[in-house]
Protein backbone atom coordinates (compact mmCIF):
# COMPACT_ATOMS: atom_id res chain seq x y z
CA MET A 1 30.97 -167.07 178.12
CA MET A 2 28.07 -166.59 175.75
CA THR A 3 28.40 -164.11 172.91
CA ALA A 4 25.78 -161.40 172.43
CA LYS A 5 24.49 -163.12 169.29
CA ALA A 6 24.17 -166.47 171.07
CA HIS A 7 22.46 -164.74 173.99
CA ARG A 8 19.86 -163.18 171.67
CA ARG A 9 19.19 -166.57 170.04
CA GLU A 10 18.75 -168.16 173.44
CA LEU A 11 16.31 -165.44 174.54
CA ARG A 12 14.29 -165.84 171.35
CA ARG A 13 14.24 -169.63 171.79
CA ARG A 14 13.01 -169.30 175.37
CA CYS A 15 10.32 -166.79 174.40
CA ASP A 16 9.12 -168.85 171.43
CA ARG A 17 8.94 -172.02 173.52
CA GLY A 18 6.85 -170.41 176.27
CA GLY A 19 4.08 -169.26 173.97
CA GLY A 20 3.69 -166.14 176.11
CA ALA A 21 4.78 -162.61 175.42
CA VAL A 22 7.73 -162.34 173.05
CA TRP A 23 10.34 -159.79 173.98
CA ASP A 24 11.33 -157.33 171.34
CA ILE A 25 15.09 -157.80 171.53
CA SER A 26 15.84 -155.09 169.01
CA HIS A 27 13.87 -152.58 171.11
CA GLU A 28 15.90 -153.52 174.21
CA GLU A 29 19.15 -153.20 172.27
CA GLU A 30 18.04 -149.79 171.01
CA LYS A 31 17.36 -148.66 174.58
CA LEU A 32 20.78 -149.96 175.63
CA GLN A 33 22.48 -147.99 172.85
CA LYS A 34 20.65 -144.80 173.87
CA LEU A 35 21.71 -145.24 177.49
CA LYS A 36 25.31 -145.90 176.47
CA GLU A 37 25.33 -142.73 174.38
CA GLU A 38 23.88 -140.78 177.30
CA VAL A 39 26.66 -141.98 179.62
CA LYS A 40 29.28 -141.14 176.97
CA LYS A 41 27.81 -137.62 176.78
CA MET A 42 28.01 -137.37 180.58
CA PHE A 43 31.61 -138.50 180.42
CA ALA A 44 32.44 -135.88 177.79
CA ALA A 45 30.53 -133.15 179.65
CA THR A 46 32.28 -133.82 182.97
CA PRO A 47 35.23 -131.46 183.32
CA ASN A 48 38.71 -132.95 183.37
CA ASP A 49 38.85 -132.00 187.02
CA ALA A 50 40.29 -135.14 188.56
CA HIS A 51 37.77 -135.40 191.41
CA HIS A 52 34.64 -135.26 189.26
CA LYS A 53 35.82 -137.45 186.38
CA LEU A 54 37.39 -140.07 188.67
CA ASP A 55 34.18 -140.24 190.68
CA LEU A 56 32.27 -140.84 187.45
CA VAL A 57 34.74 -143.58 186.40
CA ASP A 58 34.44 -145.16 189.86
CA THR A 59 30.64 -145.11 189.69
CA ILE A 60 30.57 -146.62 186.19
CA GLN A 61 32.89 -149.42 187.29
CA ARG A 62 31.01 -150.09 190.54
CA LEU A 63 27.78 -150.44 188.56
CA GLY A 64 29.50 -153.18 186.58
CA VAL A 65 29.15 -151.49 183.20
CA GLY A 66 32.73 -150.28 182.79
CA TYR A 67 33.31 -152.73 179.94
CA HIS A 68 30.95 -150.63 177.80
CA PHE A 69 33.17 -147.57 178.29
CA GLU A 70 36.67 -149.03 178.30
CA LYS A 71 38.00 -146.59 175.71
CA GLU A 72 36.71 -143.48 177.50
CA ILE A 73 37.96 -144.70 180.88
CA ASP A 74 41.33 -145.76 179.53
CA ASP A 75 41.81 -142.45 177.69
CA TYR A 76 41.00 -140.45 180.80
CA LEU A 77 43.21 -142.53 183.09
CA LYS A 78 46.11 -142.10 180.67
CA TYR A 79 45.42 -138.35 180.58
CA THR A 80 45.35 -138.19 184.38
CA TYR A 81 48.53 -140.26 184.70
CA ASN A 82 50.43 -138.19 182.13
CA ASN A 83 49.23 -134.81 183.45
CA GLY A 84 48.94 -135.58 187.17
CA GLY A 85 52.26 -134.01 188.10
CA LYS A 86 51.58 -130.94 185.98
CA GLN A 87 48.32 -130.28 187.82
CA GLY A 88 50.03 -130.52 191.19
CA ASN A 89 47.75 -133.32 192.40
CA ASP A 90 49.03 -134.45 195.74
CA ASP A 91 45.58 -135.68 196.80
CA LEU A 92 45.90 -139.31 197.90
CA HIS A 93 42.42 -140.15 196.55
CA ILE A 94 43.37 -138.91 193.06
CA VAL A 95 46.79 -140.55 193.07
CA SER A 96 45.45 -143.92 194.24
CA ALA A 97 42.47 -143.93 191.85
CA ALA A 98 44.53 -143.03 188.81
């Protein structure tokens, strides 16, 4: 698997070799950071209601970007697991997803 640094070098090499338009990698990385922060804000703004937050976690993982939010997802799943019985969740969807 290629590291992020190696990936950037490879992209620059490809762009320089082609003589065409050169991508501004730093601009793309900046956009990525803004989007990641926006999703983290959505995660924090979503109530700890199991249905809503678990749907958000499911969506993030289905999009294939869960690795960017491992800490947030892990923290919430631990919270849900530890407090599931206290909330009286007998919903099969919630129990199976957590």
